[in-house]
């Protein structure tokens, strides 16, 4: 499985989303994104997911990191893109909560295991 995620940074803060109840990583935090569908490229996936789940249109800037994580039930390959919000107002449809968080505070949020290394990289890059 391939998943894409957006690292969106504005006004000295990162956009993070809290997963809802049920499923893996219930109530943990993550960067917005989702699964790449068959015959879909990662860039198109991330633009679609942010539109569907947050009501925003994003512009991808560059790949921030490519990682893999082995969950007990499957391995997931991730592509994290740095992105910028082009239009729209954040209106979450699937997340429990959405927050803008300064990089110094990212470590205070319990993230999905696959995102922990990305949080560490963001926390030291500023």
PDB file of N, CA and C in Angstrom:
ATOM      1  N   UNK A   1       0.845  -1.179   0.000  1.00  0.00           N
ATOM      2  CA  UNK A   1       0.000   0.000   0.000  1.00  0.00           C
ATOM      3  C   UNK A   1       0.887   1.238   0.000  1.00  0.00           C
ATOM      4  N   UNK A   2       0.481   2.238  -0.767  1.00  0.00           N
ATOM      5  CA  UNK A   2       1.215   3.499  -0.834  1.00  0.00           C
ATOM      6  C   UNK A   2       0.309   4.611  -0.301  1.00  0.00           C
ATOM      7  N   UNK A   3       0.845   5.421   0.594  1.00  0.00           N
ATOM      8  CA  UNK A   3       0.103   6.518   1.216  1.00  0.00           C
ATOM      9  C   UNK A   3       0.897   7.803   1.015  1.00  0.00           C
ATOM     10  N   UNK A   4       0.186   8.891   0.765  1.00  0.00           N
ATOM     11  CA  UNK A   4       0.823  10.201   0.660  1.00  0.00           C
ATOM     12  C   UNK A   4       0.350  11.088   1.809  1.00  0.00           C
ATOM     13  N   UNK A   5       1.193  12.037   2.192  1.00  0.00           N
ATOM     14  CA  UNK A   5       0.830  12.955   3.271  1.00  0.00           C
ATOM     15  C   UNK A   5       1.426  14.322   2.980  1.00  0.00           C
ATOM     16  N   UNK A   6       0.738  15.353   3.452  1.00  0.00           N
ATOM     17  CA  UNK A   6       1.149  16.741   3.216  1.00  0.00           C
ATOM     18  C   UNK A   6       1.753  17.349   4.475  1.00  0.00           C
ATOM     19  N   UNK A   7       2.919  17.929   4.315  1.00  0.00           N
ATOM     20  CA  UNK A   7       3.541  18.724   5.363  1.00  0.00           C
ATOM     21  C   UNK A   7       3.219  20.171   4.982  1.00  0.00           C
ATOM     22  N   UNK A   8       2.207  20.723   5.637  1.00  0.00           N
ATOM     23  CA  UNK A   8       1.742  22.080   5.323  1.00  0.00           C
ATOM     24  C   UNK A   8       2.197  23.014   6.440  1.00  0.00           C
ATOM     25  N   UNK A   9       2.991  24.013   6.073  1.00  0.00           N
ATOM     26  CA  UNK A   9       3.594  24.934   7.034  1.00  0.00           C
ATOM     27  C   UNK A   9       3.172  26.353   6.680  1.00  0.00           C
ATOM     28  N   UNK A  10       2.503  27.017   7.611  1.00  0.00           N
ATOM     29  CA  UNK A  10       2.076  28.402   7.417  1.00  0.00           C
ATOM     30  C   UNK A  10       2.163  29.148   8.734  1.00  0.00           C
ATOM     31  N   UNK A  11       2.607  30.372   8.682  1.00  0.00           N
ATOM     32  CA  UNK A  11       2.667  31.229   9.877  1.00  0.00           C
ATOM     33  C   UNK A  11       3.378  30.536  11.034  1.00  0.00           C
ATOM     34  N   UNK A  12       4.508  29.888  10.709  1.00  0.00           N
ATOM     35  CA  UNK A  12       5.348  29.222  11.718  1.00  0.00           C
ATOM     36  C   UNK A  12       4.673  28.025  12.394  1.00  0.00           C
ATOM     37  N   UNK A  13       3.671  27.427  11.738  1.00  0.00           N
ATOM     38  CA  UNK A  13       2.961  26.281  12.310  1.00  0.00           C
ATOM     39  C   UNK A  13       2.709  25.218  11.252  1.00  0.00           C
ATOM     40  N   UNK A  14       2.614  23.961  11.731  1.00  0.00           N
ATOM     41  CA  UNK A  14       2.300  22.823  10.868  1.00  0.00           C
ATOM     42  C   UNK A  14       0.850  22.400  11.073  1.00  0.00           C
ATOM     43  N   UNK A  15       0.213  21.968   9.993  1.00  0.00           N
ATOM     44  CA  UNK A  15      -1.151  21.472  10.052  1.00  0.00           C
ATOM     45  C   UNK A  15      -1.111  19.979  10.379  1.00  0.00           C
ATOM     46  N   UNK A  16      -1.768  19.588  11.480  1.00  0.00           N
ATOM     47  CA  UNK A  16      -1.874  18.177  11.848  1.00  0.00           C
ATOM     48  C   UNK A  16      -3.337  17.825  12.087  1.00  0.00           C
ATOM     49  N   UNK A  17      -3.658  16.542  11.904  1.00  0.00           N
ATOM     50  CA  UNK A  17      -5.038  16.077  12.001  1.00  0.00           C
ATOM     51  C   UNK A  17      -5.119  14.895  12.959  1.00  0.00           C
ATOM     52  N   UNK A  18      -6.179  14.862  13.739  1.00  0.00           N
ATOM     53  CA  UNK A  18      -6.397  13.757  14.673  1.00  0.00           C
ATOM     54  C   UNK A  18      -7.385  12.768  14.076  1.00  0.00           C
ATOM     55  N   UNK A  19      -6.971  11.509  14.018  1.00  0.00           N
ATOM     56  CA  UNK A  19      -7.844  10.463  13.496  1.00  0.00           C
ATOM     57  C   UNK A  19      -9.017  10.256  14.456  1.00  0.00           C
ATOM     58  N   UNK A  20     -10.118   9.769  13.925  1.00  0.00           N
ATOM     59  CA  UNK A  20     -11.299   9.512  14.733  1.00  0.00           C
ATOM     60  C   UNK A  20     -11.257   8.132  15.368  1.00  0.00           C
ATOM     61  N   UNK A  21     -12.378   7.724  15.930  1.00  0.00           N
ATOM     62  CA  UNK A  21     -12.506   6.418  16.576  1.00  0.00           C
ATOM     63  C   UNK A  21     -12.469   5.314  15.521  1.00  0.00           C
ATOM     64  N   UNK A  22     -12.097   4.128  15.965  1.00  0.00           N
ATOM     65  CA  UNK A  22     -12.104   2.970  15.078  1.00  0.00           C
ATOM     66  C   UNK A  22     -10.894   2.935  14.170  1.00  0.00           C
ATOM     67  N   UNK A  23     -10.633   1.797  13.600  1.00  0.00           N
ATOM     68  CA  UNK A  23      -9.504   1.653  12.691  1.00  0.00           C
ATOM     69  C   UNK A  23      -8.178   1.727  13.416  1.00  0.00           C
ATOM     70  N   UNK A  24      -7.128   1.645  12.619  1.00  0.00           N
ATOM     71  CA  UNK A  24      -5.807   1.726  13.232  1.00  0.00           C
ATOM     72  C   UNK A  24      -5.507   3.174  13.611  1.00  0.00           C
ATOM     73  N   UNK A  25      -4.751   3.331  14.648  1.00  0.00           N
ATOM     74  CA  UNK A  25      -4.305   4.660  15.104  1.00  0.00           C
ATOM     75  C   UNK A  25      -5.448   5.562  15.569  1.00  0.00           C
ATOM     76  N   UNK A  26      -6.497   4.989  16.124  1.00  0.00           N
ATOM     77  CA  UNK A  26      -7.624   5.802  16.603  1.00  0.00           C
ATOM     78  C   UNK A  26      -7.135   6.888  17.555  1.00  0.00           C
ATOM     79  N   UNK A  27      -7.565   8.100  17.303  1.00  0.00           N
ATOM     80  CA  UNK A  27      -7.292   9.303  18.091  1.00  0.00           C
ATOM     81  C   UNK A  27      -5.835   9.754  18.090  1.00  0.00           C
ATOM     82  N   UNK A  28      -4.996   9.139  17.266  1.00  0.00           N
ATOM     83  CA  UNK A  28      -3.628   9.620  17.142  1.00  0.00           C
ATOM     84  C   UNK A  28      -3.576  10.707  16.073  1.00  0.00           C
ATOM     85  N   UNK A  29      -2.493  11.454  16.065  1.00  0.00           N
ATOM     86  CA  UNK A  29      -2.330  12.572  15.138  1.00  0.00           C
ATOM     87  C   UNK A  29      -1.538  12.133  13.916  1.00  0.00           C
ATOM     88  N   UNK A  30      -1.770  12.821  12.802  1.00  0.00           N
ATOM     89  CA  UNK A  30      -1.099  12.508  11.542  1.00  0.00           C
ATOM     90  C   UNK A  30      -1.061  13.761  10.690  1.00  0.00           C
ATOM     91  N   UNK A  31      -0.325  13.661   9.602  1.00  0.00           N
ATOM     92  CA  UNK A  31      -0.348  14.710   8.594  1.00  0.00           C
ATOM     93  C   UNK A  31      -1.425  14.342   7.584  1.00  0.00           C
ATOM     94  N   UNK A  32      -2.136  15.315   7.031  1.00  0.00           N
ATOM     95  CA  UNK A  32      -3.244  14.992   6.124  1.00  0.00           C
ATOM     96  C   UNK A  32      -2.770  14.252   4.869  1.00  0.00           C
ATOM     97  N   UNK A  33      -3.612  13.340   4.414  1.00  0.00           N
ATOM     98  CA  UNK A  33      -3.292  12.579   3.212  1.00  0.00           C
ATOM     99  C   UNK A  33      -4.130  11.321   3.127  1.00  0.00           C
ATOM    100  N   UNK A  34      -3.665  10.353   2.364  1.00  0.00           N
ATOM    101  CA  UNK A  34      -4.420   9.115   2.242  1.00  0.00           C
ATOM    102  C   UNK A  34      -3.815   8.151   1.237  1.00  0.00           C
ATOM    103  N   UNK A  35      -4.559   7.080   0.990  1.00  0.00           N
ATOM    104  CA  UNK A  35      -4.106   5.989   0.134  1.00  0.00           C
ATOM    105  C   UNK A  35      -4.156   6.352  -1.347  1.00  0.00           C
ATOM    106  N   UNK A  36      -3.110   5.955  -2.034  1.00  0.00           N
ATOM    107  CA  UNK A  36      -3.057   6.118  -3.479  1.00  0.00           C
ATOM    108  C   UNK A  36      -3.952   5.041  -4.097  1.00  0.00           C
ATOM    109  N   UNK A  37      -4.886   5.465  -4.931  1.00  0.00           N
ATOM    110  CA  UNK A  37      -5.801   4.539  -5.602  1.00  0.00           C
ATOM    111  C   UNK A  37      -5.112   3.919  -6.819  1.00  0.00           C
ATOM    112  N   UNK A  38      -5.641   2.772  -7.300  1.00  0.00           N
ATOM    113  CA  UNK A  38      -5.072   2.181  -8.519  1.00  0.00           C
ATOM    114  C   UNK A  38      -5.089   3.192  -9.674  1.00  0.00           C
ATOM    115  N   UNK A  39      -4.018   3.213 -10.432  1.00  0.00           N
ATOM    116  CA  UNK A  39      -3.852   4.109 -11.590  1.00  0.00           C
ATOM    117  C   UNK A  39      -3.829   5.595 -11.219  1.00  0.00           C
ATOM    118  N   UNK A  40      -3.492   5.918  -9.981  1.00  0.00           N
ATOM    119  CA  UNK A  40      -3.410   7.307  -9.527  1.00  0.00           C
ATOM    120  C   UNK A  40      -1.960   7.587  -9.142  1.00  0.00           C
ATOM    121  N   UNK A  41      -1.443   8.746  -9.513  1.00  0.00           N
ATOM    122  CA  UNK A  41      -0.082   9.053  -9.077  1.00  0.00           C
ATOM    123  C   UNK A  41      -0.131   9.695  -7.688  1.00  0.00           C
ATOM    124  N   UNK A  42       0.970   9.624  -6.943  1.00  0.00           N
ATOM    125  CA  UNK A  42       0.972  10.136  -5.561  1.00  0.00           C
ATOM    126  C   UNK A  42       0.567  11.599  -5.449  1.00  0.00           C
ATOM    127  N   UNK A  43       1.000  12.424  -6.395  1.00  0.00           N
ATOM    128  CA  UNK A  43       0.657  13.856  -6.340  1.00  0.00           C
ATOM    129  C   UNK A  43      -0.849  14.067  -6.469  1.00  0.00           C
ATOM    130  N   UNK A  44      -1.454  13.391  -7.432  1.00  0.00           N
ATOM    131  CA  UNK A  44      -2.904  13.521  -7.625  1.00  0.00           C
ATOM    132  C   UNK A  44      -3.659  13.003  -6.403  1.00  0.00           C
ATOM    133  N   UNK A  45      -3.151  11.930  -5.809  1.00  0.00           N
ATOM    134  CA  UNK A  45      -3.777  11.375  -4.597  1.00  0.00           C
ATOM    135  C   UNK A  45      -3.820  12.408  -3.483  1.00  0.00           C
ATOM    136  N   UNK A  46      -2.693  13.039  -3.232  1.00  0.00           N
ATOM    137  CA  UNK A  46      -2.626  13.976  -2.112  1.00  0.00           C
ATOM    138  C   UNK A  46      -3.513  15.197  -2.342  1.00  0.00           C
ATOM    139  N   UNK A  47      -3.528  15.694  -3.557  1.00  0.00           N
ATOM    140  CA  UNK A  47      -4.408  16.827  -3.875  1.00  0.00           C
ATOM    141  C   UNK A  47      -5.863  16.429  -3.669  1.00  0.00           C
ATOM    142  N   UNK A  48      -6.242  15.225  -4.128  1.00  0.00           N
ATOM    143  CA  UNK A  48      -7.616  14.729  -3.978  1.00  0.00           C
ATOM    144  C   UNK A  48      -7.969  14.542  -2.499  1.00  0.00           C
ATOM    145  N   UNK A  49      -7.094  13.899  -1.753  1.00  0.00           N
ATOM    146  CA  UNK A  49      -7.375  13.630  -0.336  1.00  0.00           C
ATOM    147  C   UNK A  49      -7.562  14.922   0.468  1.00  0.00           C
ATOM    148  N   UNK A  50      -6.724  15.911   0.228  1.00  0.00           N
ATOM    149  CA  UNK A  50      -6.864  17.177   0.970  1.00  0.00           C
ATOM    150  C   UNK A  50      -8.160  17.888   0.606  1.00  0.00           C
ATOM    151  N   UNK A  51      -8.573  17.772  -0.654  1.00  0.00           N
ATOM    152  CA  UNK A  51      -9.847  18.365  -1.070  1.00  0.00           C
ATOM    153  C   UNK A  51     -11.007  17.637  -0.400  1.00  0.00           C
ATOM    154  N   UNK A  52     -10.985  16.302  -0.437  1.00  0.00           N
ATOM    155  CA  UNK A  52     -12.087  15.512   0.126  1.00  0.00           C
ATOM    156  C   UNK A  52     -12.163  15.596   1.653  1.00  0.00           C
ATOM    157  N   UNK A  53     -11.016  15.509   2.315  1.00  0.00           N
ATOM    158  CA  UNK A  53     -11.010  15.410   3.776  1.00  0.00           C
ATOM    159  C   UNK A  53     -10.935  16.743   4.500  1.00  0.00           C
ATOM    160  N   UNK A  54     -10.416  17.783   3.823  1.00  0.00           N
ATOM    161  CA  UNK A  54     -10.247  19.071   4.496  1.00  0.00           C
ATOM    162  C   UNK A  54     -10.889  20.244   3.762  1.00  0.00           C
ATOM    163  N   UNK A  55     -11.324  20.033   2.529  1.00  0.00           N
ATOM    164  CA  UNK A  55     -11.943  21.114   1.770  1.00  0.00           C
ATOM    165  C   UNK A  55     -10.964  22.159   1.276  1.00  0.00           C
ATOM    166  N   UNK A  56      -9.686  21.782   1.142  1.00  0.00           N
ATOM    167  CA  UNK A  56      -8.679  22.736   0.683  1.00  0.00           C
ATOM    168  C   UNK A  56      -8.019  22.244  -0.610  1.00  0.00           C
ATOM    169  N   UNK A  57      -7.564  23.204  -1.389  1.00  0.00           N
ATOM    170  CA  UNK A  57      -6.785  22.903  -2.574  1.00  0.00           C
ATOM    171  C   UNK A  57      -5.336  23.226  -2.235  1.00  0.00           C
ATOM    172  N   UNK A  58      -4.451  22.250  -2.461  1.00  0.00           N
ATOM    173  CA  UNK A  58      -3.047  22.460  -2.131  1.00  0.00           C
ATOM    174  C   UNK A  58      -2.189  22.459  -3.391  1.00  0.00           C
ATOM    175  N   UNK A  59      -1.032  23.071  -3.249  1.00  0.00           N
ATOM    176  CA  UNK A  59       0.000  23.024  -4.286  1.00  0.00           C
ATOM    177  C   UNK A  59       1.193  22.304  -3.680  1.00  0.00           C
ATOM    178  N   UNK A  60       1.660  21.260  -4.346  1.00  0.00           N
ATOM    179  CA  UNK A  60       2.801  20.496  -3.857  1.00  0.00           C
ATOM    180  C   UNK A  60       4.087  21.215  -4.227  1.00  0.00           C
ATOM    181  N   UNK A  61       5.003  21.297  -3.266  1.00  0.00           N
ATOM    182  CA  UNK A  61       6.259  22.004  -3.483  1.00  0.00           C
ATOM    183  C   UNK A  61       7.400  21.047  -3.816  1.00  0.00           C
ATOM    184  N   UNK A  62       7.584  20.019  -2.989  1.00  0.00           N
ATOM    185  CA  UNK A  62       8.646  19.035  -3.205  1.00  0.00           C
ATOM    186  C   UNK A  62       8.434  17.869  -2.242  1.00  0.00           C
ATOM    187  N   UNK A  63       9.121  16.774  -2.530  1.00  0.00           N
ATOM    188  CA  UNK A  63       9.072  15.626  -1.615  1.00  0.00           C
ATOM    189  C   UNK A  63       9.938  15.954  -0.401  1.00  0.00           C
ATOM    190  N   UNK A  64       9.373  15.758   0.768  1.00  0.00           N
ATOM    191  CA  UNK A  64      10.106  15.979   2.022  1.00  0.00           C
ATOM    192  C   UNK A  64      10.802  14.694   2.461  1.00  0.00           C
ATOM    193  N   UNK A  65      10.098  13.560   2.334  1.00  0.00           N
ATOM    194  CA  UNK A  65      10.670  12.273   2.745  1.00  0.00           C
ATOM    195  C   UNK A  65       9.873  11.135   2.131  1.00  0.00           C
ATOM    196  N   UNK A  66      10.557  10.021   1.936  1.00  0.00           N
ATOM    197  CA  UNK A  66       9.909   8.777   1.524  1.00  0.00           C
ATOM    198  C   UNK A  66      10.325   7.725   2.539  1.00  0.00           C
ATOM    199  N   UNK A  67       9.337   7.079   3.142  1.00  0.00           N
ATOM    200  CA  UNK A  67       9.607   6.112   4.200  1.00  0.00           C
ATOM    201  C   UNK A  67       8.710   4.889   4.019  1.00  0.00           C
ATOM    202  N   UNK A  68       9.003   3.872   4.820  1.00  0.00           N
ATOM    203  CA  UNK A  68       8.141   2.691   4.904  1.00  0.00           C
ATOM    204  C   UNK A  68       7.946   2.369   6.371  1.00  0.00           C
ATOM    205  N   UNK A  69       6.796   1.813   6.682  1.00  0.00           N
ATOM    206  CA  UNK A  69       6.537   1.415   8.065  1.00  0.00           C
ATOM    207  C   UNK A  69       5.832   0.062   8.045  1.00  0.00           C
ATOM    208  N   UNK A  70       6.314  -0.837   8.877  1.00  0.00           N
ATOM    209  CA  UNK A  70       5.712  -2.169   8.970  1.00  0.00           C
ATOM    210  C   UNK A  70       4.766  -2.205  10.160  1.00  0.00           C
ATOM    211  N   UNK A  71       3.474  -2.079   9.873  1.00  0.00           N
ATOM    212  CA  UNK A  71       2.463  -2.282  10.903  1.00  0.00           C
ATOM    213  C   UNK A  71       2.282  -3.786  11.072  1.00  0.00           C
ATOM    214  N   UNK A  72       1.671  -4.250  12.155  1.00  0.00           N
ATOM    215  CA  UNK A  72       1.503  -5.707  12.334  1.00  0.00           C
ATOM    216  C   UNK A  72       0.774  -6.376  11.162  1.00  0.00           C
ATOM    217  N   UNK A  73      -0.197  -5.690  10.582  1.00  0.00           N
ATOM    218  CA  UNK A  73      -1.011  -6.314   9.536  1.00  0.00           C
ATOM    219  C   UNK A  73      -0.502  -6.065   8.113  1.00  0.00           C
ATOM    220  N   UNK A  74       0.369  -5.038   7.900  1.00  0.00           N
ATOM    221  CA  UNK A  74       0.867  -4.765   6.546  1.00  0.00           C
ATOM    222  C   UNK A  74       1.959  -3.704   6.569  1.00  0.00           C
ATOM    223  N   UNK A  75       2.698  -3.685   5.478  1.00  0.00           N
ATOM    224  CA  UNK A  75       3.723  -2.663   5.279  1.00  0.00           C
ATOM    225  C   UNK A  75       3.099  -1.542   4.445  1.00  0.00           C
ATOM    226  N   UNK A  76       3.421  -0.298   4.816  1.00  0.00           N
ATOM    227  CA  UNK A  76       2.919   0.856   4.082  1.00  0.00           C
ATOM    228  C   UNK A  76       4.103   1.712   3.653  1.00  0.00           C
ATOM    229  N   UNK A  77       4.132   2.079   2.384  1.00  0.00           N
ATOM    230  CA  UNK A  77       5.131   3.000   1.854  1.00  0.00           C
ATOM    231  C   UNK A  77       4.522   4.398   1.845  1.00  0.00           C
ATOM    232  N   UNK A  78       5.280   5.365   2.326  1.00  0.00           N
ATOM    233  CA  UNK A  78       4.793   6.736   2.455  1.00  0.00           C
ATOM    234  C   UNK A  78       5.626   7.698   1.623  1.00  0.00           C
ATOM    235  N   UNK A  79       4.955   8.682   1.032  1.00  0.00           N
ATOM    236  CA  UNK A  79       5.619   9.829   0.433  1.00  0.00           C
ATOM    237  C   UNK A  79       5.047  11.068   1.103  1.00  0.00           C
ATOM    238  N   UNK A  80       5.924  11.814   1.765  1.00  0.00           N
ATOM    239  CA  UNK A  80       5.538  13.057   2.428  1.00  0.00           C
ATOM    240  C   UNK A  80       5.973  14.220   1.531  1.00  0.00           C
ATOM    241  N   UNK A  81       5.012  15.073   1.175  1.00  0.00           N
ATOM    242  CA  UNK A  81       5.281  16.237   0.339  1.00  0.00           C
ATOM    243  C   UNK A  81       5.163  17.505   1.162  1.00  0.00           C
ATOM    244  N   UNK A  82       6.057  18.455   0.938  1.00  0.00           N
ATOM    245  CA  UNK A  82       5.837  19.794   1.460  1.00  0.00           C
ATOM    246  C   UNK A  82       4.792  20.419   0.554  1.00  0.00           C
ATOM    247  N   UNK A  83       3.831  21.128   1.144  1.00  0.00           N
ATOM    248  CA  UNK A  83       2.721  21.679   0.367  1.00  0.00           C
ATOM    249  C   UNK A  83       2.289  23.025   0.931  1.00  0.00           C
ATOM    250  N   UNK A  84       1.536  23.722   0.108  1.00  0.00           N
ATOM    251  CA  UNK A  84       1.013  25.040   0.467  1.00  0.00           C
ATOM    252  C   UNK A  84      -0.481  25.067   0.139  1.00  0.00           C
ATOM    253  N   UNK A  85      -1.277  25.678   0.997  1.00  0.00           N
ATOM    254  CA  UNK A  85      -2.710  25.806   0.727  1.00  0.00           C
ATOM    255  C   UNK A  85      -2.907  26.908  -0.310  1.00  0.00           C
ATOM    256  N   UNK A  86      -3.540  26.543  -1.412  1.00  0.00           N
ATOM    257  CA  UNK A  86      -3.818  27.498  -2.485  1.00  0.00           C
ATOM    258  C   UNK A  86      -5.167  28.186  -2.275  1.00  0.00           C
ATOM    259  N   UNK A  87      -6.166  27.407  -1.852  1.00  0.00           N
ATOM    260  CA  UNK A  87      -7.502  27.975  -1.654  1.00  0.00           C
ATOM    261  C   UNK A  87      -8.322  27.067  -0.752  1.00  0.00           C
ATOM    262  N   UNK A  88      -9.435  27.625  -0.299  1.00  0.00           N
ATOM    263  CA  UNK A  88     -10.351  26.886   0.557  1.00  0.00           C
ATOM    264  C   UNK A  88     -10.130  27.189   2.027  1.00  0.00           C
ATOM    265  N   UNK A  89     -11.132  26.849   2.824  1.00  0.00           N
ATOM    266  CA  UNK A  89     -11.061  26.973   4.277  1.00  0.00           C
ATOM    267  C   UNK A  89     -11.112  25.569   4.853  1.00  0.00           C
ATOM    268  N   UNK A  90     -10.272  25.317   5.822  1.00  0.00           N
ATOM    269  CA  UNK A  90     -10.205  23.974   6.390  1.00  0.00           C
ATOM    270  C   UNK A  90     -11.545  23.616   7.015  1.00  0.00           C
ATOM    271  N   UNK A  91     -12.112  22.538   6.525  1.00  0.00           N
ATOM    272  CA  UNK A  91     -13.395  22.030   6.996  1.00  0.00           C
ATOM    273  C   UNK A  91     -13.299  20.500   7.031  1.00  0.00           C
ATOM    274  N   UNK A  92     -12.828  19.945   8.167  1.00  0.00           N
ATOM    275  CA  UNK A  92     -12.581  18.500   8.227  1.00  0.00           C
ATOM    276  C   UNK A  92     -13.857  17.666   8.100  1.00  0.00           C
ATOM    277  N   UNK A  93     -13.753  16.594   7.309  1.00  0.00           N
ATOM    278  CA  UNK A  93     -14.892  15.695   7.130  1.00  0.00           C
ATOM    279  C   UNK A  93     -14.674  14.337   7.784  1.00  0.00           C
ATOM    280  N   UNK A  94     -13.430  13.940   8.020  1.00  0.00           N
ATOM    281  CA  UNK A  94     -13.163  12.613   8.591  1.00  0.00           C
ATOM    282  C   UNK A  94     -12.332  12.664   9.867  1.00  0.00           C
ATOM    283  N   UNK A  95     -11.732  13.789  10.179  1.00  0.00           N
ATOM    284  CA  UNK A  95     -10.864  13.874  11.351  1.00  0.00           C
ATOM    285  C   UNK A  95     -11.629  14.365  12.579  1.00  0.00           C
ATOM    286  N   UNK A  96     -11.174  13.906  13.726  1.00  0.00           N
ATOM    287  CA  UNK A  96     -11.742  14.309  15.007  1.00  0.00           C
ATOM    288  C   UNK A  96     -11.401  15.774  15.313  1.00  0.00           C
ATOM    289  N   UNK A  97     -10.173  16.169  14.960  1.00  0.00           N
ATOM    290  CA  UNK A  97      -9.703  17.519  15.251  1.00  0.00           C
ATOM    291  C   UNK A  97      -8.608  17.873  14.232  1.00  0.00           C
ATOM    292  N   UNK A  98      -8.409  19.150  14.004  1.00  0.00           N
ATOM    293  CA  UNK A  98      -7.369  19.656  13.120  1.00  0.00           C
ATOM    294  C   UNK A  98      -6.748  20.852  13.832  1.00  0.00           C
ATOM    295  N   UNK A  99      -5.410  20.911  13.852  1.00  0.00           N
ATOM    296  CA  UNK A  99      -4.744  22.018  14.555  1.00  0.00           C
ATOM    297  C   UNK A  99      -3.521  22.501  13.790  1.00  0.00           C
ATOM    298  N   UNK A 100      -3.221  23.778  13.990  1.00  0.00           N
ATOM    299  CA  UNK A 100      -1.962  24.366  13.538  1.00  0.00           C
ATOM    300  C   UNK A 100      -1.045  24.385  14.753  1.00  0.00           C
ATOM    301  N   UNK A 101       0.121  23.751  14.640  1.00  0.00           N
ATOM    302  CA  UNK A 101       1.000  23.556  15.791  1.00  0.00           C
ATOM    303  C   UNK A 101       2.424  24.023  15.458  1.00  0.00           C
ATOM    304  N   UNK A 102       3.035  24.847  16.340  1.00  0.00           N
ATOM    305  CA  UNK A 102       4.436  25.233  16.125  1.00  0.00           C
ATOM    306  C   UNK A 102       5.339  23.991  16.203  1.00  0.00           C
ATOM    307  N   UNK A 103       6.444  24.008  15.457  1.00  0.00           N
ATOM    308  CA  UNK A 103       7.317  22.832  15.430  1.00  0.00           C
ATOM    309  C   UNK A 103       7.816  22.463  16.827  1.00  0.00           C
ATOM    310  N   UNK A 104       7.978  23.447  17.713  1.00  0.00           N
ATOM    311  CA  UNK A 104       8.467  23.165  19.065  1.00  0.00           C
ATOM    312  C   UNK A 104       7.467  22.342  19.880  1.00  0.00           C
ATOM    313  N   UNK A 105       6.209  22.318  19.453  1.00  0.00           N
ATOM    314  CA  UNK A 105       5.175  21.600  20.210  1.00  0.00           C
ATOM    315  C   UNK A 105       4.741  20.288  19.559  1.00  0.00           C
ATOM    316  N   UNK A 106       5.251  19.971  18.375  1.00  0.00           N
ATOM    317  CA  UNK A 106       4.823  18.747  17.690  1.00  0.00           C
ATOM    318  C   UNK A 106       5.010  17.507  18.563  1.00  0.00           C
ATOM    319  N   UNK A 107       6.125  17.457  19.309  1.00  0.00           N
ATOM    320  CA  UNK A 107       6.413  16.273  20.124  1.00  0.00           C
ATOM    321  C   UNK A 107       5.390  16.058  21.253  1.00  0.00           C
ATOM    322  N   UNK A 108       4.571  17.049  21.543  1.00  0.00           N
ATOM    323  CA  UNK A 108       3.566  16.930  22.607  1.00  0.00           C
ATOM    324  C   UNK A 108       2.329  16.153  22.163  1.00  0.00           C
ATOM    325  N   UNK A 109       2.223  15.869  20.859  1.00  0.00           N
ATOM    326  CA  UNK A 109       1.054  15.173  20.323  1.00  0.00           C
ATOM    327  C   UNK A 109       1.412  13.725  20.018  1.00  0.00           C
ATOM    328  N   UNK A 110       0.535  12.786  20.404  1.00  0.00           N
ATOM    329  CA  UNK A 110       0.801  11.375  20.077  1.00  0.00           C
ATOM    330  C   UNK A 110       0.469  11.102  18.610  1.00  0.00           C
ATOM    331  N   UNK A 111       1.500  10.870  17.810  1.00  0.00           N
ATOM    332  CA  UNK A 111       1.346  10.637  16.375  1.00  0.00           C
ATOM    333  C   UNK A 111       1.249   9.155  16.057  1.00  0.00           C
ATOM    334  N   UNK A 112       0.668   8.868  14.903  1.00  0.00           N
ATOM    335  CA  UNK A 112       0.681   7.505  14.372  1.00  0.00           C
ATOM    336  C   UNK A 112       2.142   7.069  14.260  1.00  0.00           C
ATOM    337  N   UNK A 113       2.434   5.791  14.498  1.00  0.00           N
ATOM    338  CA  UNK A 113       3.834   5.336  14.472  1.00  0.00           C
ATOM    339  C   UNK A 113       4.581   5.688  13.189  1.00  0.00           C
ATOM    340  N   UNK A 114       3.923   5.628  12.063  1.00  0.00           N
ATOM    341  CA  UNK A 114       4.595   5.912  10.787  1.00  0.00           C
ATOM    342  C   UNK A 114       4.998   7.376  10.656  1.00  0.00           C
ATOM    343  N   UNK A 115       4.410   8.270  11.431  1.00  0.00           N
ATOM    344  CA  UNK A 115       4.699   9.703  11.344  1.00  0.00           C
ATOM    345  C   UNK A 115       5.742  10.173  12.357  1.00  0.00           C
ATOM    346  N   UNK A 116       6.105   9.323  13.302  1.00  0.00           N
ATOM    347  CA  UNK A 116       6.988   9.737  14.398  1.00  0.00           C
ATOM    348  C   UNK A 116       8.342  10.226  13.887  1.00  0.00           C
ATOM    349  N   UNK A 117       8.956   9.525  12.934  1.00  0.00           N
ATOM    350  CA  UNK A 117      10.257   9.946  12.406  1.00  0.00           C
ATOM    351  C   UNK A 117      10.150  11.283  11.671  1.00  0.00           C
ATOM    352  N   UNK A 118       9.037  11.503  10.993  1.00  0.00           N
ATOM    353  CA  UNK A 118       8.832  12.777  10.290  1.00  0.00           C
ATOM    354  C   UNK A 118       8.724  13.910  11.299  1.00  0.00           C
ATOM    355  N   UNK A 119       8.009  13.685  12.388  1.00  0.00           N
ATOM    356  CA  UNK A 119       7.894  14.695  13.438  1.00  0.00           C
ATOM    357  C   UNK A 119       9.270  15.030  13.977  1.00  0.00           C
ATOM    358  N   UNK A 120      10.116  14.024  14.193  1.00  0.00           N
ATOM    359  CA  UNK A 120      11.466  14.263  14.685  1.00  0.00           C
ATOM    360  C   UNK A 120      12.259  15.116  13.698  1.00  0.00           C
ATOM    361  N   UNK A 121      12.156  14.812  12.413  1.00  0.00           N
ATOM    362  CA  UNK A 121      12.869  15.593  11.390  1.00  0.00           C
ATOM    363  C   UNK A 121      12.388  17.045  11.363  1.00  0.00           C
ATOM    364  N   UNK A 122      11.083  17.244  11.501  1.00  0.00           N
ATOM    365  CA  UNK A 122      10.538  18.606  11.492  1.00  0.00           C
ATOM    366  C   UNK A 122      10.938  19.372  12.733  1.00  0.00           C
ATOM    367  N   UNK A 123      11.033  18.691  13.858  1.00  0.00           N
ATOM    368  CA  UNK A 123      11.341  19.354  15.125  1.00  0.00           C
ATOM    369  C   UNK A 123      12.768  19.885  15.181  1.00  0.00           C
ATOM    370  N   UNK A 124      13.661  19.326  14.371  1.00  0.00           N
ATOM    371  CA  UNK A 124      15.053  19.772  14.405  1.00  0.00           C
ATOM    372  C   UNK A 124      15.457  20.605  13.198  1.00  0.00           C
ATOM    373  N   UNK A 125      14.580  20.746  12.234  1.00  0.00           N
ATOM    374  CA  UNK A 125      14.974  21.429  10.998  1.00  0.00           C
ATOM    375  C   UNK A 125      14.890  22.943  11.085  1.00  0.00           C
ATOM    376  N   UNK A 126      14.167  23.465  12.042  1.00  0.00           N
ATOM    377  CA  UNK A 126      13.993  24.920  12.124  1.00  0.00           C
ATOM    378  C   UNK A 126      15.220  25.588  12.717  1.00  0.00           C
TER     379      UNK A 126
END
